Amino acid sequence: MEKKRAVIALENVSKTYFLDGVEVNALKGVSMTIRQGEFVAVTGSSGSGKSTMLNMIGGLDVPTKGTVEIGGIDISSISDDELARLRGRTIGFVFQAFNLQPNMTAWENVALPMRIHEFPDDEVTETVDRLLGVVGLSERAGHLPNQLSGGQQQRIAIARALSTRPSMILADEPTGNLDSASGTAIMAVLKDINENQSVTVVVVSHEPNTIKFARRVVRLADGKIVGDS
C-alpha cells in the first residue's frame, strides 16, 4: 500500500531558548512524520516539550537545529509572510481558550479566516453554513460567543479551523476548559472529521480522556520522544 503524503515532518529538531541568561534545551533531536489522515496525540508531563513541539508542528516557531517541513516546505527557508500564508492554507488551529471574536456572531467567527484569505462571498456562505451543520450548531449561527456554552464555543472554533479547508487540525488542550461530557463531545467531533473528511488531527494534551481518541500517541519527556505507538 502506498504511504499517504507527509503533512508535517520534523527531522533531528532541537530548540534552545535563553531565559534570564539560562540555556533551556526544550527539544533535543526530535524526528517525527505525521501523514495525511492520521489522528495523533502528543502528550507528556509539564516541561516535557509539548508546547515547543506544538510551536514546531504549527509553524509558530523555527528550530535552532534540524528541519521542520509543512506540506513538504522547509519553514526555515521561507519568509515570515510566506510562512503565515502556508499556515493559513495548511493548518487549522483550535485553542484551549476558544479565541473567538466576542463581538462577532458564531457565523461571522467561522467566516473570519475565509474573509482574511479573500475567499469569494458565495463560497464563504456555502462553507460556513455547511460547517455549522457539521458541528451541529446551525441554529446558533446568530449568537455571540457569550450566548454559547463552552462546548458550543469550542465547536464553533473547530468549524472556524476547518473553514479554509486545511489538511490538518492542530488542537492545543481542546478540552482543558470543558467539563468531561463536553470534552468527550468535542473529541467525538474531531474523530468524526478525521474519519469522514480525511483531515489529519493532532491533539496536544495531558488528559487521558482526550488522548484515548487518538490512534497514535507520541510521548515526550525532557525534550525527547520516549514513545510513539
N, C-alpha and C. Protein backbone atom coordinates (compact mmCIF):
# COMPACT_ATOMS: atom_id res chain seq x y z
N MET A 1 0.85 -1.20 0.00
CA MET A 1 0.00 0.00 0.00
C MET A 1 0.89 1.25 0.00
N GLU A 2 0.54 2.21 -0.85
CA GLU A 2 1.31 3.44 -0.95
C GLU A 2 1.11 4.29 0.31
N LYS A 3 2.22 4.82 0.83
CA LYS A 3 2.12 5.67 2.01
C LYS A 3 1.45 6.99 1.67
N LYS A 4 0.60 7.47 2.58
CA LYS A 4 0.00 8.77 2.38
C LYS A 4 1.05 9.85 2.56
N ARG A 5 0.81 11.00 1.95
CA ARG A 5 1.81 12.08 1.97
C ARG A 5 2.00 12.62 3.38
N ALA A 6 3.19 13.13 3.63
CA ALA A 6 3.50 13.74 4.92
C ALA A 6 2.91 15.13 4.99
N VAL A 7 2.16 15.39 6.05
CA VAL A 7 1.64 16.74 6.30
C VAL A 7 2.67 17.55 7.08
N ILE A 8 3.29 16.90 8.07
CA ILE A 8 4.33 17.52 8.89
C ILE A 8 5.51 16.55 8.99
N ALA A 9 6.72 17.08 8.85
CA ALA A 9 7.92 16.25 9.03
C ALA A 9 8.95 17.03 9.85
N LEU A 10 9.33 16.47 10.99
CA LEU A 10 10.40 17.02 11.81
C LEU A 10 11.60 16.10 11.70
N GLU A 11 12.77 16.66 11.40
CA GLU A 11 13.98 15.86 11.25
C GLU A 11 15.08 16.42 12.15
N ASN A 12 15.42 15.64 13.19
CA ASN A 12 16.50 15.98 14.11
C ASN A 12 16.35 17.40 14.65
N VAL A 13 15.13 17.73 15.11
CA VAL A 13 14.80 19.09 15.54
C VAL A 13 15.22 19.33 16.99
N SER A 14 15.99 20.39 17.19
CA SER A 14 16.32 20.86 18.53
C SER A 14 15.90 22.32 18.65
N LYS A 15 15.49 22.70 19.86
CA LYS A 15 15.12 24.09 20.11
C LYS A 15 15.71 24.52 21.44
N THR A 16 16.49 25.58 21.39
CA THR A 16 17.13 26.12 22.58
C THR A 16 16.65 27.54 22.83
N TYR A 17 16.23 27.80 24.06
CA TYR A 17 15.84 29.14 24.48
C TYR A 17 16.84 29.64 25.53
N PHE A 18 16.91 30.95 25.64
CA PHE A 18 17.70 31.54 26.71
C PHE A 18 16.76 32.38 27.58
N LEU A 19 16.55 31.92 28.79
CA LEU A 19 15.65 32.59 29.73
C LEU A 19 16.48 33.13 30.89
N ASP A 20 16.52 34.47 30.99
CA ASP A 20 17.31 35.12 32.04
C ASP A 20 18.76 34.63 32.03
N GLY A 21 19.28 34.46 30.80
CA GLY A 21 20.66 34.05 30.65
C GLY A 21 20.92 32.57 30.82
N VAL A 22 19.85 31.80 31.09
CA VAL A 22 19.99 30.36 31.28
C VAL A 22 19.57 29.63 30.00
N GLU A 23 20.40 28.71 29.53
CA GLU A 23 20.09 27.94 28.33
C GLU A 23 19.10 26.82 28.65
N VAL A 24 17.99 26.80 27.92
CA VAL A 24 16.97 25.78 28.10
C VAL A 24 16.84 24.99 26.80
N ASN A 25 17.13 23.71 26.86
CA ASN A 25 17.00 22.84 25.68
C ASN A 25 15.62 22.20 25.68
N ALA A 26 14.67 22.86 25.02
CA ALA A 26 13.27 22.43 25.08
C ALA A 26 13.01 21.18 24.24
N LEU A 27 13.66 21.06 23.10
CA LEU A 27 13.59 19.86 22.27
C LEU A 27 15.01 19.42 21.93
N LYS A 28 15.22 18.10 21.88
CA LYS A 28 16.57 17.57 21.70
C LYS A 28 16.58 16.49 20.62
N GLY A 29 16.83 16.90 19.39
CA GLY A 29 16.99 15.93 18.31
C GLY A 29 15.76 15.12 18.00
N VAL A 30 14.60 15.76 17.91
CA VAL A 30 13.32 15.07 17.69
C VAL A 30 13.07 14.88 16.20
N SER A 31 12.70 13.66 15.83
CA SER A 31 12.31 13.35 14.46
C SER A 31 10.93 12.68 14.48
N MET A 32 10.03 13.16 13.60
CA MET A 32 8.68 12.61 13.56
C MET A 32 8.01 13.02 12.26
N THR A 33 7.26 12.11 11.68
CA THR A 33 6.47 12.41 10.48
C THR A 33 5.00 12.13 10.77
N ILE A 34 4.15 13.07 10.40
CA ILE A 34 2.71 12.91 10.54
C ILE A 34 2.11 12.92 9.14
N ARG A 35 1.37 11.87 8.82
CA ARG A 35 0.85 11.72 7.46
C ARG A 35 -0.64 12.04 7.38
N GLN A 36 -1.05 12.32 6.16
CA GLN A 36 -2.45 12.67 5.91
C GLN A 36 -3.38 11.60 6.46
N GLY A 37 -4.38 12.06 7.21
CA GLY A 37 -5.41 11.17 7.73
C GLY A 37 -5.12 10.58 9.09
N GLU A 38 -3.95 10.87 9.67
CA GLU A 38 -3.66 10.35 11.00
C GLU A 38 -4.41 11.15 12.07
N PHE A 39 -4.60 10.50 13.23
CA PHE A 39 -5.13 11.15 14.43
C PHE A 39 -4.09 10.90 15.51
N VAL A 40 -3.33 11.94 15.84
CA VAL A 40 -2.16 11.83 16.71
C VAL A 40 -2.37 12.65 17.97
N ALA A 41 -2.03 12.07 19.11
CA ALA A 41 -1.97 12.82 20.37
C ALA A 41 -0.51 12.97 20.77
N VAL A 42 -0.11 14.20 21.10
CA VAL A 42 1.22 14.47 21.63
C VAL A 42 1.04 14.77 23.12
N THR A 43 1.71 13.99 23.96
CA THR A 43 1.47 14.13 25.39
C THR A 43 2.78 14.05 26.17
N GLY A 44 2.71 14.41 27.43
CA GLY A 44 3.87 14.40 28.31
C GLY A 44 3.60 15.31 29.49
N SER A 45 4.40 15.18 30.50
CA SER A 45 4.22 15.99 31.71
C SER A 45 4.65 17.43 31.45
N SER A 46 4.38 18.30 32.41
CA SER A 46 4.80 19.69 32.31
C SER A 46 6.31 19.76 32.17
N GLY A 47 6.78 20.55 31.20
CA GLY A 47 8.21 20.66 30.97
C GLY A 47 8.79 19.62 30.05
N SER A 48 7.92 18.76 29.48
CA SER A 48 8.40 17.68 28.62
C SER A 48 8.76 18.15 27.22
N GLY A 49 8.25 19.33 26.83
CA GLY A 49 8.48 19.85 25.49
C GLY A 49 7.24 19.92 24.63
N LYS A 50 6.05 19.66 25.23
CA LYS A 50 4.80 19.66 24.45
C LYS A 50 4.56 21.01 23.77
N SER A 51 4.70 22.09 24.54
CA SER A 51 4.41 23.42 23.97
C SER A 51 5.36 23.75 22.84
N THR A 52 6.63 23.40 23.01
CA THR A 52 7.60 23.66 21.95
C THR A 52 7.30 22.80 20.73
N MET A 53 6.93 21.54 20.96
CA MET A 53 6.54 20.66 19.86
C MET A 53 5.34 21.25 19.11
N LEU A 54 4.35 21.76 19.85
CA LEU A 54 3.19 22.41 19.25
C LEU A 54 3.64 23.55 18.34
N ASN A 55 4.56 24.38 18.84
CA ASN A 55 5.04 25.52 18.04
C ASN A 55 5.74 25.05 16.76
N MET A 56 6.47 23.93 16.85
CA MET A 56 7.15 23.40 15.67
C MET A 56 6.15 22.84 14.67
N ILE A 57 5.23 21.99 15.14
CA ILE A 57 4.25 21.37 14.25
C ILE A 57 3.40 22.44 13.57
N GLY A 58 3.06 23.49 14.32
CA GLY A 58 2.19 24.53 13.78
C GLY A 58 2.91 25.61 13.02
N GLY A 59 4.24 25.52 12.90
CA GLY A 59 4.98 26.55 12.19
C GLY A 59 4.95 27.89 12.90
N LEU A 60 4.74 27.86 14.22
CA LEU A 60 4.69 29.09 15.01
C LEU A 60 6.09 29.52 15.47
N ASP A 61 7.07 28.64 15.31
CA ASP A 61 8.45 28.93 15.65
C ASP A 61 9.33 28.07 14.76
N VAL A 62 10.60 28.45 14.63
CA VAL A 62 11.52 27.68 13.80
C VAL A 62 12.56 27.02 14.70
N PRO A 63 13.10 25.88 14.27
CA PRO A 63 14.05 25.16 15.13
C PRO A 63 15.41 25.83 15.20
N THR A 64 16.11 25.57 16.30
CA THR A 64 17.50 26.01 16.41
C THR A 64 18.38 25.14 15.52
N LYS A 65 18.10 23.85 15.49
CA LYS A 65 18.78 22.90 14.62
C LYS A 65 17.74 21.97 14.02
N GLY A 66 18.07 21.37 12.87
CA GLY A 66 17.16 20.44 12.22
C GLY A 66 16.19 21.16 11.30
N THR A 67 15.27 20.39 10.74
CA THR A 67 14.32 20.95 9.78
C THR A 67 12.88 20.59 10.15
N VAL A 68 11.99 21.52 9.89
CA VAL A 68 10.55 21.31 10.01
C VAL A 68 9.94 21.59 8.65
N GLU A 69 9.23 20.60 8.10
CA GLU A 69 8.56 20.77 6.83
C GLU A 69 7.05 20.71 7.03
N ILE A 70 6.36 21.69 6.46
CA ILE A 70 4.91 21.71 6.44
C ILE A 70 4.48 21.56 4.99
N GLY A 71 3.79 20.47 4.70
CA GLY A 71 3.39 20.22 3.32
C GLY A 71 4.58 20.14 2.38
N GLY A 72 5.71 19.64 2.88
CA GLY A 72 6.90 19.48 2.05
C GLY A 72 7.77 20.71 1.93
N ILE A 73 7.42 21.79 2.62
CA ILE A 73 8.18 23.04 2.54
C ILE A 73 8.93 23.26 3.84
N ASP A 74 10.23 23.47 3.76
CA ASP A 74 11.07 23.74 4.92
C ASP A 74 10.76 25.15 5.43
N ILE A 75 10.21 25.26 6.65
CA ILE A 75 9.75 26.56 7.12
C ILE A 75 10.90 27.53 7.39
N SER A 76 12.12 27.02 7.54
CA SER A 76 13.26 27.91 7.76
C SER A 76 13.73 28.58 6.48
N SER A 77 13.21 28.11 5.34
CA SER A 77 13.69 28.61 4.04
C SER A 77 12.78 29.67 3.44
N ILE A 78 11.70 30.04 4.14
CA ILE A 78 10.75 31.00 3.58
C ILE A 78 10.59 32.19 4.53
N SER A 79 10.02 33.27 4.01
CA SER A 79 9.84 34.49 4.79
C SER A 79 8.69 34.33 5.79
N ASP A 80 8.62 35.26 6.74
CA ASP A 80 7.54 35.22 7.73
C ASP A 80 6.17 35.32 7.06
N ASP A 81 6.06 36.17 6.03
CA ASP A 81 4.78 36.32 5.32
C ASP A 81 4.41 35.03 4.59
N GLU A 82 5.41 34.42 3.96
CA GLU A 82 5.15 33.16 3.26
C GLU A 82 4.75 32.06 4.24
N LEU A 83 5.40 32.06 5.42
CA LEU A 83 5.06 31.07 6.44
C LEU A 83 3.64 31.28 6.95
N ALA A 84 3.25 32.53 7.15
CA ALA A 84 1.89 32.82 7.60
C ALA A 84 0.86 32.33 6.58
N ARG A 85 1.14 32.53 5.30
CA ARG A 85 0.22 32.06 4.26
C ARG A 85 0.18 30.53 4.22
N LEU A 86 1.36 29.91 4.41
CA LEU A 86 1.41 28.44 4.42
C LEU A 86 0.60 27.88 5.57
N ARG A 87 0.75 28.46 6.77
CA ARG A 87 -0.06 28.02 7.92
C ARG A 87 -1.54 28.19 7.62
N GLY A 88 -1.89 29.34 7.04
CA GLY A 88 -3.30 29.61 6.77
C GLY A 88 -3.93 28.61 5.82
N ARG A 89 -3.12 28.11 4.87
CA ARG A 89 -3.64 27.14 3.89
C ARG A 89 -3.63 25.72 4.41
N THR A 90 -2.71 25.43 5.33
CA THR A 90 -2.43 24.04 5.68
C THR A 90 -2.98 23.61 7.03
N ILE A 91 -3.01 24.53 8.01
CA ILE A 91 -3.31 24.16 9.39
C ILE A 91 -4.47 24.98 9.94
N GLY A 92 -5.42 24.30 10.54
CA GLY A 92 -6.48 24.96 11.29
C GLY A 92 -6.20 24.79 12.78
N PHE A 93 -6.18 25.88 13.52
CA PHE A 93 -5.82 25.84 14.94
C PHE A 93 -7.06 25.88 15.83
N VAL A 94 -7.06 25.04 16.87
CA VAL A 94 -8.10 25.04 17.90
C VAL A 94 -7.40 25.19 19.24
N PHE A 95 -7.80 26.20 20.01
CA PHE A 95 -7.11 26.52 21.25
C PHE A 95 -7.97 26.22 22.47
N GLN A 96 -7.30 26.04 23.60
CA GLN A 96 -8.00 25.76 24.86
C GLN A 96 -8.98 26.86 25.22
N ALA A 97 -8.60 28.12 24.94
CA ALA A 97 -9.42 29.27 25.34
C ALA A 97 -10.40 29.72 24.25
N PHE A 98 -10.58 28.88 23.21
CA PHE A 98 -11.53 29.12 22.11
C PHE A 98 -11.08 30.23 21.17
N ASN A 99 -10.70 31.41 21.73
CA ASN A 99 -10.19 32.54 20.93
C ASN A 99 -11.18 33.03 19.88
N LEU A 100 -12.47 33.01 20.22
CA LEU A 100 -13.47 33.58 19.33
C LEU A 100 -13.52 35.09 19.49
N GLN A 101 -13.91 35.78 18.42
CA GLN A 101 -14.07 37.24 18.49
C GLN A 101 -15.38 37.55 19.22
N PRO A 102 -15.32 38.25 20.38
CA PRO A 102 -16.51 38.39 21.22
C PRO A 102 -17.63 39.20 20.59
N ASN A 103 -17.31 40.10 19.67
CA ASN A 103 -18.34 40.96 19.08
C ASN A 103 -18.83 40.43 17.73
N MET A 104 -18.42 39.21 17.39
CA MET A 104 -18.89 38.58 16.15
C MET A 104 -19.79 37.41 16.48
N THR A 105 -20.78 37.18 15.64
CA THR A 105 -21.65 36.03 15.82
C THR A 105 -20.88 34.74 15.52
N ALA A 106 -21.50 33.63 15.86
CA ALA A 106 -20.90 32.34 15.53
C ALA A 106 -20.62 32.24 14.03
N TRP A 107 -21.59 32.64 13.22
CA TRP A 107 -21.43 32.60 11.76
C TRP A 107 -20.24 33.45 11.33
N GLU A 108 -20.16 34.66 11.86
CA GLU A 108 -19.07 35.58 11.47
C GLU A 108 -17.71 35.06 11.93
N ASN A 109 -17.66 34.40 13.10
CA ASN A 109 -16.40 33.84 13.58
C ASN A 109 -15.90 32.74 12.64
N VAL A 110 -16.81 31.89 12.19
CA VAL A 110 -16.41 30.82 11.29
C VAL A 110 -15.96 31.39 9.94
N ALA A 111 -16.61 32.46 9.51
CA ALA A 111 -16.27 33.07 8.21
C ALA A 111 -14.97 33.85 8.24
N LEU A 112 -14.51 34.25 9.43
CA LEU A 112 -13.39 35.19 9.53
C LEU A 112 -12.13 34.74 8.78
N PRO A 113 -11.64 33.51 8.96
CA PRO A 113 -10.43 33.12 8.21
C PRO A 113 -10.62 33.17 6.70
N MET A 114 -11.82 32.86 6.23
CA MET A 114 -12.08 32.91 4.81
C MET A 114 -12.09 34.35 4.30
N ARG A 115 -12.60 35.26 5.13
CA ARG A 115 -12.56 36.67 4.76
C ARG A 115 -11.12 37.16 4.68
N ILE A 116 -10.30 36.75 5.66
CA ILE A 116 -8.90 37.16 5.68
C ILE A 116 -8.17 36.68 4.44
N HIS A 117 -8.48 35.45 4.01
CA HIS A 117 -7.82 34.87 2.83
C HIS A 117 -8.57 35.14 1.53
N GLU A 118 -9.57 36.03 1.60
CA GLU A 118 -10.26 36.58 0.44
C GLU A 118 -10.93 35.51 -0.43
N PHE A 119 -11.63 34.58 0.24
CA PHE A 119 -12.46 33.63 -0.49
C PHE A 119 -13.67 34.37 -1.08
N PRO A 120 -14.21 33.91 -2.21
CA PRO A 120 -15.40 34.54 -2.79
C PRO A 120 -16.59 34.47 -1.83
N ASP A 121 -17.44 35.48 -1.87
CA ASP A 121 -18.56 35.58 -0.94
C ASP A 121 -19.48 34.35 -0.99
N ASP A 122 -19.78 33.87 -2.20
CA ASP A 122 -20.70 32.73 -2.29
C ASP A 122 -20.07 31.48 -1.69
N GLU A 123 -18.75 31.33 -1.81
CA GLU A 123 -18.07 30.18 -1.22
C GLU A 123 -18.05 30.29 0.30
N VAL A 124 -17.88 31.52 0.81
CA VAL A 124 -17.91 31.74 2.26
C VAL A 124 -19.26 31.32 2.81
N THR A 125 -20.33 31.77 2.18
CA THR A 125 -21.68 31.46 2.66
C THR A 125 -21.93 29.96 2.65
N GLU A 126 -21.61 29.31 1.55
CA GLU A 126 -21.85 27.86 1.44
C GLU A 126 -21.03 27.09 2.47
N THR A 127 -19.77 27.48 2.63
CA THR A 127 -18.87 26.74 3.54
C THR A 127 -19.28 26.93 4.99
N VAL A 128 -19.56 28.17 5.39
CA VAL A 128 -19.91 28.44 6.79
C VAL A 128 -21.21 27.73 7.15
N ASP A 129 -22.22 27.82 6.29
CA ASP A 129 -23.48 27.14 6.56
C ASP A 129 -23.27 25.63 6.71
N ARG A 130 -22.45 25.07 5.83
CA ARG A 130 -22.19 23.62 5.88
C ARG A 130 -21.46 23.23 7.16
N LEU A 131 -20.44 24.00 7.54
CA LEU A 131 -19.64 23.66 8.72
C LEU A 131 -20.44 23.81 10.01
N LEU A 132 -21.30 24.82 10.07
CA LEU A 132 -22.16 24.94 11.26
C LEU A 132 -23.06 23.72 11.38
N GLY A 133 -23.48 23.16 10.25
CA GLY A 133 -24.24 21.92 10.28
C GLY A 133 -23.39 20.74 10.73
N VAL A 134 -22.14 20.69 10.27
CA VAL A 134 -21.23 19.60 10.65
C VAL A 134 -21.05 19.54 12.16
N VAL A 135 -20.92 20.70 12.81
CA VAL A 135 -20.71 20.73 14.26
C VAL A 135 -22.01 20.85 15.05
N GLY A 136 -23.14 20.78 14.34
CA GLY A 136 -24.44 20.73 15.00
C GLY A 136 -24.91 22.04 15.61
N LEU A 137 -24.51 23.17 15.01
CA LEU A 137 -24.87 24.46 15.61
C LEU A 137 -25.48 25.43 14.60
N SER A 138 -26.16 24.90 13.59
CA SER A 138 -26.79 25.77 12.60
C SER A 138 -27.76 26.76 13.26
N GLU A 139 -28.45 26.29 14.29
CA GLU A 139 -29.46 27.14 14.93
C GLU A 139 -28.84 28.21 15.83
N ARG A 140 -27.54 28.14 16.03
CA ARG A 140 -26.85 29.13 16.86
C ARG A 140 -26.03 30.11 16.03
N ALA A 141 -26.25 30.13 14.73
CA ALA A 141 -25.43 30.93 13.82
C ALA A 141 -25.39 32.41 14.20
N GLY A 142 -26.52 32.94 14.70
CA GLY A 142 -26.59 34.36 15.01
C GLY A 142 -26.23 34.73 16.43
N HIS A 143 -25.78 33.76 17.23
CA HIS A 143 -25.46 34.01 18.63
C HIS A 143 -24.02 34.49 18.79
N LEU A 144 -23.82 35.38 19.76
CA LEU A 144 -22.48 35.81 20.14
C LEU A 144 -21.84 34.75 21.05
N PRO A 145 -20.51 34.73 21.14
CA PRO A 145 -19.86 33.72 21.98
C PRO A 145 -20.37 33.67 23.42
N ASN A 146 -20.68 34.84 24.01
CA ASN A 146 -21.13 34.82 25.41
C ASN A 146 -22.55 34.29 25.57
N GLN A 147 -23.19 34.00 24.45
CA GLN A 147 -24.51 33.38 24.48
C GLN A 147 -24.43 31.87 24.25
N LEU A 148 -23.21 31.35 24.19
CA LEU A 148 -22.99 29.93 23.94
C LEU A 148 -22.28 29.30 25.13
N SER A 149 -22.51 28.00 25.32
CA SER A 149 -21.78 27.27 26.35
C SER A 149 -20.33 27.07 25.91
N GLY A 150 -19.48 26.62 26.84
CA GLY A 150 -18.09 26.36 26.49
C GLY A 150 -17.96 25.32 25.39
N GLY A 151 -18.73 24.25 25.49
CA GLY A 151 -18.69 23.22 24.47
C GLY A 151 -19.12 23.74 23.11
N GLN A 152 -20.16 24.58 23.10
CA GLN A 152 -20.62 25.16 21.84
C GLN A 152 -19.57 26.10 21.26
N GLN A 153 -18.92 26.90 22.12
CA GLN A 153 -17.87 27.78 21.63
C GLN A 153 -16.73 26.98 21.00
N GLN A 154 -16.37 25.84 21.61
CA GLN A 154 -15.28 25.05 21.05
C GLN A 154 -15.69 24.42 19.72
N ARG A 155 -16.95 24.05 19.59
CA ARG A 155 -17.41 23.52 18.30
C ARG A 155 -17.38 24.59 17.22
N ILE A 156 -17.71 25.84 17.60
CA ILE A 156 -17.58 26.94 16.65
C ILE A 156 -16.11 27.13 16.27
N ALA A 157 -15.22 27.00 17.24
CA ALA A 157 -13.79 27.13 16.97
C ALA A 157 -13.31 26.05 16.00
N ILE A 158 -13.85 24.84 16.14
CA ILE A 158 -13.49 23.75 15.23
C ILE A 158 -14.00 24.07 13.82
N ALA A 159 -15.23 24.54 13.72
CA ALA A 159 -15.76 24.92 12.41
C ALA A 159 -14.91 26.02 11.78
N ARG A 160 -14.50 26.99 12.58
CA ARG A 160 -13.64 28.07 12.07
C ARG A 160 -12.31 27.50 11.56
N ALA A 161 -11.75 26.55 12.32
CA ALA A 161 -10.47 25.95 11.93
C ALA A 161 -10.58 25.20 10.60
N LEU A 162 -11.76 24.67 10.30
CA LEU A 162 -11.96 23.90 9.07
C LEU A 162 -12.31 24.77 7.87
N SER A 163 -12.59 26.04 8.08
CA SER A 163 -13.21 26.85 7.03
C SER A 163 -12.34 27.03 5.80
N THR A 164 -11.03 27.08 5.96
CA THR A 164 -10.14 27.28 4.81
C THR A 164 -9.66 25.97 4.21
N ARG A 165 -10.31 24.88 4.56
CA ARG A 165 -10.01 23.54 4.04
C ARG A 165 -8.56 23.13 4.31
N PRO A 166 -8.11 23.21 5.58
CA PRO A 166 -6.74 22.81 5.89
C PRO A 166 -6.58 21.30 5.79
N SER A 167 -5.34 20.85 5.62
CA SER A 167 -5.08 19.42 5.60
C SER A 167 -4.92 18.88 7.02
N MET A 168 -4.76 19.78 8.02
CA MET A 168 -4.55 19.33 9.38
C MET A 168 -5.21 20.28 10.38
N ILE A 169 -5.80 19.70 11.43
CA ILE A 169 -6.27 20.46 12.58
C ILE A 169 -5.29 20.23 13.71
N LEU A 170 -4.77 21.31 14.29
CA LEU A 170 -3.87 21.24 15.43
C LEU A 170 -4.61 21.80 16.64
N ALA A 171 -4.93 20.93 17.59
CA ALA A 171 -5.75 21.31 18.75
C ALA A 171 -4.89 21.30 20.01
N ASP A 172 -4.79 22.46 20.65
CA ASP A 172 -3.97 22.63 21.85
C ASP A 172 -4.87 22.54 23.08
N GLU A 173 -4.79 21.42 23.82
CA GLU A 173 -5.61 21.21 25.00
C GLU A 173 -7.07 21.60 24.73
N PRO A 174 -7.69 21.02 23.70
CA PRO A 174 -9.02 21.48 23.28
C PRO A 174 -10.13 21.24 24.29
N THR A 175 -9.90 20.33 25.26
CA THR A 175 -10.93 20.05 26.26
C THR A 175 -10.57 20.61 27.63
N GLY A 176 -9.48 21.38 27.71
CA GLY A 176 -8.96 21.83 29.00
C GLY A 176 -9.91 22.71 29.79
N ASN A 177 -10.77 23.47 29.10
CA ASN A 177 -11.69 24.38 29.79
C ASN A 177 -13.12 23.85 29.82
N LEU A 178 -13.28 22.54 29.57
CA LEU A 178 -14.62 21.98 29.46
C LEU A 178 -14.85 20.89 30.51
N ASP A 179 -16.13 20.67 30.85
CA ASP A 179 -16.45 19.53 31.71
C ASP A 179 -16.28 18.25 30.91
N SER A 180 -16.31 17.11 31.60
CA SER A 180 -15.97 15.85 30.94
C SER A 180 -16.93 15.51 29.80
N ALA A 181 -18.22 15.77 30.00
CA ALA A 181 -19.20 15.45 28.95
C ALA A 181 -18.97 16.30 27.72
N SER A 182 -18.73 17.60 27.91
CA SER A 182 -18.48 18.49 26.77
C SER A 182 -17.17 18.13 26.09
N GLY A 183 -16.17 17.77 26.90
CA GLY A 183 -14.88 17.39 26.33
C GLY A 183 -14.99 16.15 25.46
N THR A 184 -15.75 15.17 25.92
CA THR A 184 -15.96 13.96 25.14
C THR A 184 -16.68 14.28 23.84
N ALA A 185 -17.66 15.17 23.90
CA ALA A 185 -18.39 15.56 22.70
C ALA A 185 -17.49 16.25 21.69
N ILE A 186 -16.58 17.11 22.17
CA ILE A 186 -15.65 17.80 21.27
C ILE A 186 -14.72 16.79 20.60
N MET A 187 -14.21 15.84 21.36
CA MET A 187 -13.30 14.85 20.78
C MET A 187 -14.04 13.97 19.78
N ALA A 188 -15.32 13.70 20.03
CA ALA A 188 -16.11 12.93 19.07
C ALA A 188 -16.26 13.69 17.75
N VAL A 189 -16.40 15.02 17.83
CA VAL A 189 -16.48 15.83 16.61
C VAL A 189 -15.17 15.73 15.83
N LEU A 190 -14.04 15.86 16.54
CA LEU A 190 -12.74 15.77 15.88
C LEU A 190 -12.53 14.39 15.26
N LYS A 191 -12.95 13.35 15.97
CA LYS A 191 -12.82 11.99 15.45
C LYS A 191 -13.66 11.82 14.18
N ASP A 192 -14.87 12.36 14.18
CA ASP A 192 -15.74 12.26 13.02
C ASP A 192 -15.14 12.98 11.81
N ILE A 193 -14.58 14.17 12.06
CA ILE A 193 -13.95 14.94 10.98
C ILE A 193 -12.75 14.18 10.42
N ASN A 194 -11.98 13.57 11.31
CA ASN A 194 -10.81 12.80 10.89
C ASN A 194 -11.22 11.60 10.04
N GLU A 195 -12.24 10.87 10.47
CA GLU A 195 -12.62 9.64 9.80
C GLU A 195 -13.40 9.88 8.52
N ASN A 196 -14.24 10.91 8.51
CA ASN A 196 -15.14 11.10 7.37
C ASN A 196 -14.67 12.15 6.38
N GLN A 197 -13.72 13.00 6.77
CA GLN A 197 -13.23 14.02 5.85
C GLN A 197 -11.73 13.88 5.59
N SER A 198 -11.11 12.85 6.18
CA SER A 198 -9.67 12.57 6.00
C SER A 198 -8.79 13.75 6.39
N VAL A 199 -9.26 14.56 7.34
CA VAL A 199 -8.45 15.65 7.86
C VAL A 199 -7.54 15.10 8.95
N THR A 200 -6.25 15.38 8.85
CA THR A 200 -5.31 14.98 9.88
C THR A 200 -5.61 15.76 11.15
N VAL A 201 -5.61 15.08 12.28
CA VAL A 201 -5.85 15.74 13.57
C VAL A 201 -4.67 15.47 14.49
N VAL A 202 -4.11 16.54 15.04
CA VAL A 202 -3.05 16.43 16.04
C VAL A 202 -3.52 17.16 17.29
N VAL A 203 -3.61 16.42 18.40
CA VAL A 203 -4.06 16.97 19.67
C VAL A 203 -2.89 16.99 20.64
N VAL A 204 -2.61 18.14 21.21
CA VAL A 204 -1.60 18.25 22.26
C VAL A 204 -2.34 18.31 23.60
N SER A 205 -2.13 17.29 24.44
CA SER A 205 -2.91 17.21 25.67
C SER A 205 -2.22 16.31 26.69
N HIS A 206 -2.58 16.52 27.96
CA HIS A 206 -2.11 15.62 29.02
C HIS A 206 -3.29 14.85 29.63
N GLU A 207 -4.50 15.03 29.08
CA GLU A 207 -5.70 14.43 29.66
C GLU A 207 -5.96 13.04 29.06
N PRO A 208 -5.99 12.00 29.89
CA PRO A 208 -6.21 10.63 29.37
C PRO A 208 -7.48 10.48 28.56
N ASN A 209 -8.57 11.16 28.97
CA ASN A 209 -9.84 11.02 28.25
C ASN A 209 -9.79 11.66 26.87
N THR A 210 -8.86 12.59 26.68
CA THR A 210 -8.65 13.19 25.37
C THR A 210 -7.75 12.32 24.51
N ILE A 211 -6.67 11.84 25.12
CA ILE A 211 -5.66 11.06 24.40
C ILE A 211 -6.24 9.76 23.85
N LYS A 212 -7.22 9.19 24.55
CA LYS A 212 -7.74 7.88 24.14
C LYS A 212 -8.42 7.91 22.77
N PHE A 213 -8.79 9.08 22.28
CA PHE A 213 -9.42 9.18 20.96
C PHE A 213 -8.41 9.03 19.83
N ALA A 214 -7.12 9.23 20.12
CA ALA A 214 -6.10 9.18 19.07
C ALA A 214 -5.77 7.74 18.70
N ARG A 215 -5.37 7.55 17.45
CA ARG A 215 -4.90 6.23 17.01
C ARG A 215 -3.38 6.10 17.15
N ARG A 216 -2.73 7.22 17.37
CA ARG A 216 -1.28 7.22 17.56
C ARG A 216 -0.95 8.19 18.69
N VAL A 217 -0.13 7.75 19.64
CA VAL A 217 0.23 8.59 20.78
C VAL A 217 1.74 8.75 20.81
N VAL A 218 2.18 10.02 20.78
CA VAL A 218 3.60 10.36 20.86
C VAL A 218 3.84 10.95 22.24
N ARG A 219 4.74 10.31 22.99
CA ARG A 219 5.01 10.75 24.37
C ARG A 219 6.37 11.42 24.45
N LEU A 220 6.38 12.58 25.12
CA LEU A 220 7.61 13.36 25.29
C LEU A 220 8.05 13.34 26.75
N ALA A 221 9.36 13.39 26.95
CA ALA A 221 9.94 13.57 28.28
C ALA A 221 11.29 14.24 28.11
N ASP A 222 11.51 15.30 28.83
CA ASP A 222 12.80 16.02 28.79
C ASP A 222 13.22 16.38 27.37
N GLY A 223 12.25 16.79 26.56
CA GLY A 223 12.57 17.27 25.23
C GLY A 223 12.81 16.21 24.19
N LYS A 224 12.56 14.93 24.53
CA LYS A 224 12.79 13.83 23.60
C LYS A 224 11.52 12.99 23.47
N ILE A 225 11.39 12.32 22.32
CA ILE A 225 10.30 11.36 22.14
C ILE A 225 10.70 10.06 22.84
N VAL A 226 9.86 9.65 23.80
CA VAL A 226 10.15 8.43 24.54
C VAL A 226 9.15 7.31 24.22
N GLY A 227 8.16 7.63 23.40
CA GLY A 227 7.19 6.63 22.99
C GLY A 227 6.44 7.11 21.78
N ASP A 228 6.16 6.19 20.85
CA ASP A 228 5.41 6.51 19.63
C ASP A 228 4.69 5.24 19.21
N SER A 229 3.42 5.14 19.60
CA SER A 229 2.71 3.88 19.40
C SER A 229 1.32 4.13 18.85
